[in-house]
Amino acid sequence: MSDMTRKRRRNTRILDESARKIILDKTLASLCKKAEEMSILCDTKVSVIIFTWEKPMLCLAVFNQGQ
């Protein structure tokens, strides 16, 4: 029987600049989706603020289930 689970990635710095940007974009999308889910499930406001070296403020998202 083959193991169909994905292997966990190690948390190390990604040296390839283009790969790092792609993973950052995917991770940010996933993080914002999870924050929105949390605001719906817990009926509360959830804010996400992300700072990077390249841009002062990359993402500011506020999720409110009621609005």
PDB file of N, CA and C in Angstrom:
ATOM      1  N   MET A   1       0.847  -1.175   0.000  1.00  0.00           N
ATOM      2  CA  MET A   1       0.000   0.000   0.000  1.00  0.00           C
ATOM      3  C   MET A   1       0.895   1.241   0.000  1.00  0.00           C
ATOM      4  N   SER A   2       0.636   2.152  -0.921  1.00  0.00           N
ATOM      5  CA  SER A   2       1.475   3.342  -1.021  1.00  0.00           C
ATOM      6  C   SER A   2       0.971   4.437  -0.088  1.00  0.00           C
ATOM      7  N   ASP A   3       1.889   5.245   0.353  1.00  0.00           N
ATOM      8  CA  ASP A   3       1.561   6.354   1.247  1.00  0.00           C
ATOM      9  C   ASP A   3       1.209   7.573   0.395  1.00  0.00           C
ATOM     10  N   MET A   4      -0.030   8.033   0.459  1.00  0.00           N
ATOM     11  CA  MET A   4      -0.504   9.119  -0.393  1.00  0.00           C
ATOM     12  C   MET A   4      -0.410  10.490   0.280  1.00  0.00           C
ATOM     13  N   THR A   5       0.107  10.546   1.486  1.00  0.00           N
ATOM     14  CA  THR A   5       0.197  11.831   2.174  1.00  0.00           C
ATOM     15  C   THR A   5       1.380  12.639   1.651  1.00  0.00           C
ATOM     16  N   ARG A   6       1.247  13.956   1.753  1.00  0.00           N
ATOM     17  CA  ARG A   6       2.343  14.822   1.339  1.00  0.00           C
ATOM     18  C   ARG A   6       3.402  14.866   2.429  1.00  0.00           C
ATOM     19  N   LYS A   7       4.635  14.999   2.010  1.00  0.00           N
ATOM     20  CA  LYS A   7       5.716  15.149   2.976  1.00  0.00           C
ATOM     21  C   LYS A   7       5.744  16.590   3.466  1.00  0.00           C
ATOM     22  N   ARG A   8       6.061  16.751   4.724  1.00  0.00           N
ATOM     23  CA  ARG A   8       6.147  18.095   5.302  1.00  0.00           C
ATOM     24  C   ARG A   8       7.404  18.783   4.804  1.00  0.00           C
ATOM     25  N   ARG A   9       7.262  20.080   4.518  1.00  0.00           N
ATOM     26  CA  ARG A   9       8.423  20.863   4.128  1.00  0.00           C
ATOM     27  C   ARG A   9       9.155  21.324   5.374  1.00  0.00           C
ATOM     28  N   ARG A  10      10.445  21.381   5.278  1.00  0.00           N
ATOM     29  CA  ARG A  10      11.226  21.917   6.386  1.00  0.00           C
ATOM     30  C   ARG A  10      11.133  23.435   6.368  1.00  0.00           C
ATOM     31  N   ASN A  11      11.135  24.016   7.523  1.00  0.00           N
ATOM     32  CA  ASN A  11      11.091  25.473   7.632  1.00  0.00           C
ATOM     33  C   ASN A  11      12.501  26.033   7.527  1.00  0.00           C
ATOM     34  N   THR A  12      12.936  26.210   6.307  1.00  0.00           N
ATOM     35  CA  THR A  12      14.245  26.794   6.043  1.00  0.00           C
ATOM     36  C   THR A  12      14.073  27.914   5.025  1.00  0.00           C
ATOM     37  N   ARG A  13      15.027  28.802   4.987  1.00  0.00           N
ATOM     38  CA  ARG A  13      14.971  29.923   4.042  1.00  0.00           C
ATOM     39  C   ARG A  13      15.082  29.397   2.617  1.00  0.00           C
ATOM     40  N   ILE A  14      14.231  29.926   1.749  1.00  0.00           N
ATOM     41  CA  ILE A  14      14.240  29.544   0.339  1.00  0.00           C
ATOM     42  C   ILE A  14      15.197  30.489  -0.373  1.00  0.00           C
ATOM     43  N   LEU A  15      16.215  29.942  -0.986  1.00  0.00           N
ATOM     44  CA  LEU A  15      17.253  30.765  -1.595  1.00  0.00           C
ATOM     45  C   LEU A  15      16.853  31.311  -2.962  1.00  0.00           C
ATOM     46  N   ASP A  16      16.053  30.569  -3.713  1.00  0.00           N
ATOM     47  CA  ASP A  16      15.619  30.999  -5.035  1.00  0.00           C
ATOM     48  C   ASP A  16      14.567  32.102  -4.894  1.00  0.00           C
ATOM     49  N   GLU A  17      14.892  33.298  -5.407  1.00  0.00           N
ATOM     50  CA  GLU A  17      14.029  34.474  -5.232  1.00  0.00           C
ATOM     51  C   GLU A  17      12.643  34.275  -5.837  1.00  0.00           C
ATOM     52  N   SER A  18      12.564  33.736  -7.039  1.00  0.00           N
ATOM     53  CA  SER A  18      11.253  33.562  -7.677  1.00  0.00           C
ATOM     54  C   SER A  18      10.422  32.511  -6.947  1.00  0.00           C
ATOM     55  N   ALA A  19      11.044  31.440  -6.504  1.00  0.00           N
ATOM     56  CA  ALA A  19      10.322  30.408  -5.748  1.00  0.00           C
ATOM     57  C   ALA A  19       9.833  30.971  -4.419  1.00  0.00           C
ATOM     58  N   ARG A  20      10.647  31.821  -3.786  1.00  0.00           N
ATOM     59  CA  ARG A  20      10.258  32.428  -2.513  1.00  0.00           C
ATOM     60  C   ARG A  20       9.029  33.320  -2.690  1.00  0.00           C
ATOM     61  N   LYS A  21       8.983  34.102  -3.770  1.00  0.00           N
ATOM     62  CA  LYS A  21       7.833  34.975  -4.015  1.00  0.00           C
ATOM     63  C   LYS A  21       6.572  34.167  -4.302  1.00  0.00           C
ATOM     64  N   ILE A  22       6.705  33.085  -5.049  1.00  0.00           N
ATOM     65  CA  ILE A  22       5.554  32.230  -5.354  1.00  0.00           C
ATOM     66  C   ILE A  22       5.004  31.612  -4.079  1.00  0.00           C
ATOM     67  N   ILE A  23       5.881  31.087  -3.240  1.00  0.00           N
ATOM     68  CA  ILE A  23       5.442  30.463  -1.991  1.00  0.00           C
ATOM     69  C   ILE A  23       4.840  31.505  -1.058  1.00  0.00           C
ATOM     70  N   LEU A  24       5.397  32.708  -1.039  1.00  0.00           N
ATOM     71  CA  LEU A  24       4.837  33.781  -0.215  1.00  0.00           C
ATOM     72  C   LEU A  24       3.415  34.107  -0.657  1.00  0.00           C
ATOM     73  N   ASP A  25       3.199  34.240  -1.960  1.00  0.00           N
ATOM     74  CA  ASP A  25       1.856  34.541  -2.466  1.00  0.00           C
ATOM     75  C   ASP A  25       0.866  33.444  -2.103  1.00  0.00           C
ATOM     76  N   LYS A  26       1.265  32.187  -2.268  1.00  0.00           N
ATOM     77  CA  LYS A  26       0.374  31.068  -1.944  1.00  0.00           C
ATOM     78  C   LYS A  26       0.089  31.009  -0.443  1.00  0.00           C
ATOM     79  N   THR A  27       1.111  31.245   0.354  1.00  0.00           N
ATOM     80  CA  THR A  27       0.943  31.188   1.801  1.00  0.00           C
ATOM     81  C   THR A  27       0.054  32.331   2.292  1.00  0.00           C
ATOM     82  N   LEU A  28       0.214  33.518   1.720  1.00  0.00           N
ATOM     83  CA  LEU A  28      -0.629  34.650   2.105  1.00  0.00           C
ATOM     84  C   LEU A  28      -2.085  34.393   1.762  1.00  0.00           C
ATOM     85  N   ALA A  29      -2.329  33.822   0.593  1.00  0.00           N
ATOM     86  CA  ALA A  29      -3.703  33.507   0.203  1.00  0.00           C
ATOM     87  C   ALA A  29      -4.309  32.506   1.174  1.00  0.00           C
ATOM     88  N   SER A  30      -3.532  31.506   1.543  1.00  0.00           N
ATOM     89  CA  SER A  30      -4.000  30.489   2.485  1.00  0.00           C
ATOM     90  C   SER A  30      -4.244  31.098   3.866  1.00  0.00           C
ATOM     91  N   LEU A  31      -3.346  31.962   4.309  1.00  0.00           N
ATOM     92  CA  LEU A  31      -3.488  32.600   5.614  1.00  0.00           C
ATOM     93  C   LEU A  31      -4.738  33.477   5.672  1.00  0.00           C
ATOM     94  N   CYS A  32      -4.974  34.254   4.621  1.00  0.00           N
ATOM     95  CA  CYS A  32      -6.166  35.111   4.593  1.00  0.00           C
ATOM     96  C   CYS A  32      -7.437  34.278   4.549  1.00  0.00           C
ATOM     97  N   LYS A  33      -7.408  33.168   3.843  1.00  0.00           N
ATOM     98  CA  LYS A  33      -8.576  32.278   3.799  1.00  0.00           C
ATOM     99  C   LYS A  33      -8.856  31.706   5.186  1.00  0.00           C
ATOM    100  N   LYS A  34      -7.812  31.285   5.886  1.00  0.00           N
ATOM    101  CA  LYS A  34      -7.984  30.750   7.241  1.00  0.00           C
ATOM    102  C   LYS A  34      -8.500  31.824   8.197  1.00  0.00           C
ATOM    103  N   ALA A  35      -8.027  33.052   8.052  1.00  0.00           N
ATOM    104  CA  ALA A  35      -8.505  34.138   8.906  1.00  0.00           C
ATOM    105  C   ALA A  35      -9.986  34.402   8.655  1.00  0.00           C
ATOM    106  N   GLU A  36     -10.399  34.354   7.396  1.00  0.00           N
ATOM    107  CA  GLU A  36     -11.812  34.544   7.076  1.00  0.00           C
ATOM    108  C   GLU A  36     -12.656  33.411   7.655  1.00  0.00           C
ATOM    109  N   GLU A  37     -12.169  32.181   7.547  1.00  0.00           N
ATOM    110  CA  GLU A  37     -12.881  31.038   8.121  1.00  0.00           C
ATOM    111  C   GLU A  37     -13.020  31.187   9.635  1.00  0.00           C
ATOM    112  N   MET A  38     -11.945  31.649  10.290  1.00  0.00           N
ATOM    113  CA  MET A  38     -11.983  31.826  11.738  1.00  0.00           C
ATOM    114  C   MET A  38     -13.004  32.885  12.132  1.00  0.00           C
ATOM    115  N   SER A  39     -13.077  33.963  11.354  1.00  0.00           N
ATOM    116  CA  SER A  39     -14.041  35.014  11.680  1.00  0.00           C
ATOM    117  C   SER A  39     -15.470  34.509  11.542  1.00  0.00           C
ATOM    118  N   ILE A  40     -15.718  33.638  10.583  1.00  0.00           N
ATOM    119  CA  ILE A  40     -17.061  33.077  10.401  1.00  0.00           C
ATOM    120  C   ILE A  40     -17.382  32.084  11.510  1.00  0.00           C
ATOM    121  N   LEU A  41     -16.451  31.175  11.782  1.00  0.00           N
ATOM    122  CA  LEU A  41     -16.700  30.137  12.783  1.00  0.00           C
ATOM    123  C   LEU A  41     -16.829  30.700  14.191  1.00  0.00           C
ATOM    124  N   CYS A  42     -16.024  31.703  14.522  1.00  0.00           N
ATOM    125  CA  CYS A  42     -16.008  32.243  15.882  1.00  0.00           C
ATOM    126  C   CYS A  42     -16.846  33.506  16.025  1.00  0.00           C
ATOM    127  N   ASP A  43     -17.419  33.981  14.938  1.00  0.00           N
ATOM    128  CA  ASP A  43     -18.239  35.191  14.932  1.00  0.00           C
ATOM    129  C   ASP A  43     -17.496  36.355  15.588  1.00  0.00           C
ATOM    130  N   THR A  44     -16.313  36.633  15.065  1.00  0.00           N
ATOM    131  CA  THR A  44     -15.477  37.692  15.612  1.00  0.00           C
ATOM    132  C   THR A  44     -14.706  38.369  14.487  1.00  0.00           C
ATOM    133  N   LYS A  45     -14.112  39.502  14.788  1.00  0.00           N
ATOM    134  CA  LYS A  45     -13.259  40.178  13.822  1.00  0.00           C
ATOM    135  C   LYS A  45     -11.867  39.560  13.870  1.00  0.00           C
ATOM    136  N   VAL A  46     -11.277  39.361  12.714  1.00  0.00           N
ATOM    137  CA  VAL A  46      -9.921  38.833  12.622  1.00  0.00           C
ATOM    138  C   VAL A  46      -9.133  39.753  11.698  1.00  0.00           C
ATOM    139  N   SER A  47      -7.948  40.162  12.126  1.00  0.00           N
ATOM    140  CA  SER A  47      -7.090  41.023  11.315  1.00  0.00           C
ATOM    141  C   SER A  47      -5.787  40.311  11.008  1.00  0.00           C
ATOM    142  N   VAL A  48      -5.279  40.540   9.807  1.00  0.00           N
ATOM    143  CA  VAL A  48      -3.999  39.975   9.394  1.00  0.00           C
ATOM    144  C   VAL A  48      -3.146  41.128   8.886  1.00  0.00           C
ATOM    145  N   ILE A  49      -1.986  41.319   9.487  1.00  0.00           N
ATOM    146  CA  ILE A  49      -1.045  42.347   9.047  1.00  0.00           C
ATOM    147  C   ILE A  49       0.290  41.660   8.813  1.00  0.00           C
ATOM    148  N   ILE A  50       0.846  41.844   7.621  1.00  0.00           N
ATOM    149  CA  ILE A  50       2.095  41.174   7.274  1.00  0.00           C
ATOM    150  C   ILE A  50       3.090  42.214   6.774  1.00  0.00           C
ATOM    151  N   PHE A  51       4.271  42.215   7.350  1.00  0.00           N
ATOM    152  CA  PHE A  51       5.345  43.106   6.946  1.00  0.00           C
ATOM    153  C   PHE A  51       6.438  42.286   6.278  1.00  0.00           C
ATOM    154  N   THR A  52       7.014  42.830   5.212  1.00  0.00           N
ATOM    155  CA  THR A  52       8.148  42.186   4.553  1.00  0.00           C
ATOM    156  C   THR A  52       9.274  43.210   4.428  1.00  0.00           C
ATOM    157  N   TRP A  53      10.444  42.734   4.024  1.00  0.00           N
ATOM    158  CA  TRP A  53      11.577  43.632   3.832  1.00  0.00           C
ATOM    159  C   TRP A  53      11.381  44.491   2.593  1.00  0.00           C
ATOM    160  N   GLU A  54      10.689  43.962   1.583  1.00  0.00           N
ATOM    161  CA  GLU A  54      10.552  44.677   0.322  1.00  0.00           C
ATOM    162  C   GLU A  54       9.461  45.741   0.360  1.00  0.00           C
ATOM    163  N   LYS A  55       8.368  45.455   1.032  1.00  0.00           N
ATOM    164  CA  LYS A  55       7.238  46.376   1.085  1.00  0.00           C
ATOM    165  C   LYS A  55       6.926  46.658   2.547  1.00  0.00           C
ATOM    166  N   PRO A  56       6.637  47.916   2.889  1.00  0.00           N
ATOM    167  CA  PRO A  56       6.358  48.235   4.294  1.00  0.00           C
ATOM    168  C   PRO A  56       5.183  47.443   4.863  1.00  0.00           C
ATOM    169  N   MET A  57       4.077  47.387   4.115  1.00  0.00           N
ATOM    170  CA  MET A  57       2.942  46.601   4.579  1.00  0.00           C
ATOM    171  C   MET A  57       2.401  45.839   3.380  1.00  0.00           C
ATOM    172  N   LEU A  58       2.530  44.542   3.410  1.00  0.00           N
ATOM    173  CA  LEU A  58       2.148  43.723   2.272  1.00  0.00           C
ATOM    174  C   LEU A  58       0.665  43.413   2.280  1.00  0.00           C
ATOM    175  N   CYS A  59       0.116  43.121   3.428  1.00  0.00           N
ATOM    176  CA  CYS A  59      -1.274  42.673   3.489  1.00  0.00           C
ATOM    177  C   CYS A  59      -1.914  43.199   4.762  1.00  0.00           C
ATOM    178  N   LEU A  60      -3.037  43.821   4.605  1.00  0.00           N
ATOM    179  CA  LEU A  60      -3.866  44.181   5.749  1.00  0.00           C
ATOM    180  C   LEU A  60      -5.260  43.704   5.410  1.00  0.00           C
ATOM    181  N   ALA A  61      -5.719  42.728   6.130  1.00  0.00           N
ATOM    182  CA  ALA A  61      -7.043  42.173   5.873  1.00  0.00           C
ATOM    183  C   ALA A  61      -7.809  42.129   7.178  1.00  0.00           C
ATOM    184  N   VAL A  62      -9.030  42.609   7.141  1.00  0.00           N
ATOM    185  CA  VAL A  62      -9.908  42.556   8.303  1.00  0.00           C
ATOM    186  C   VAL A  62     -11.155  41.812   7.882  1.00  0.00           C
ATOM    187  N   PHE A  63     -11.442  40.743   8.587  1.00  0.00           N
ATOM    188  CA  PHE A  63     -12.604  39.928   8.278  1.00  0.00           C
ATOM    189  C   PHE A  63     -13.597  40.061   9.416  1.00  0.00           C
ATOM    190  N   ASN A  64     -14.828  40.325   9.067  1.00  0.00           N
ATOM    191  CA  ASN A  64     -15.895  40.430  10.051  1.00  0.00           C
ATOM    192  C   ASN A  64     -17.078  39.654   9.519  1.00  0.00           C
ATOM    193  N   GLN A  65     -17.474  38.623  10.224  1.00  0.00           N
ATOM    194  CA  GLN A  65     -18.530  37.731   9.765  1.00  0.00           C
ATOM    195  C   GLN A  65     -19.849  38.454   9.593  1.00  0.00           C
ATOM    196  N   GLY A  66     -20.139  39.418  10.441  1.00  0.00           N
ATOM    197  CA  GLY A  66     -21.421  40.096  10.413  1.00  0.00           C
ATOM    198  C   GLY A  66     -21.594  41.066   9.249  1.00  0.00           C
ATOM    199  N   GLN A  67     -20.522  41.452   8.590  1.00  0.00           N
ATOM    200  CA  GLN A  67     -20.630  42.466   7.535  1.00  0.00           C
ATOM    201  C   GLN A  67     -20.152  41.950   6.216  1.00  0.00           C
TER     202      GLN A  67
END
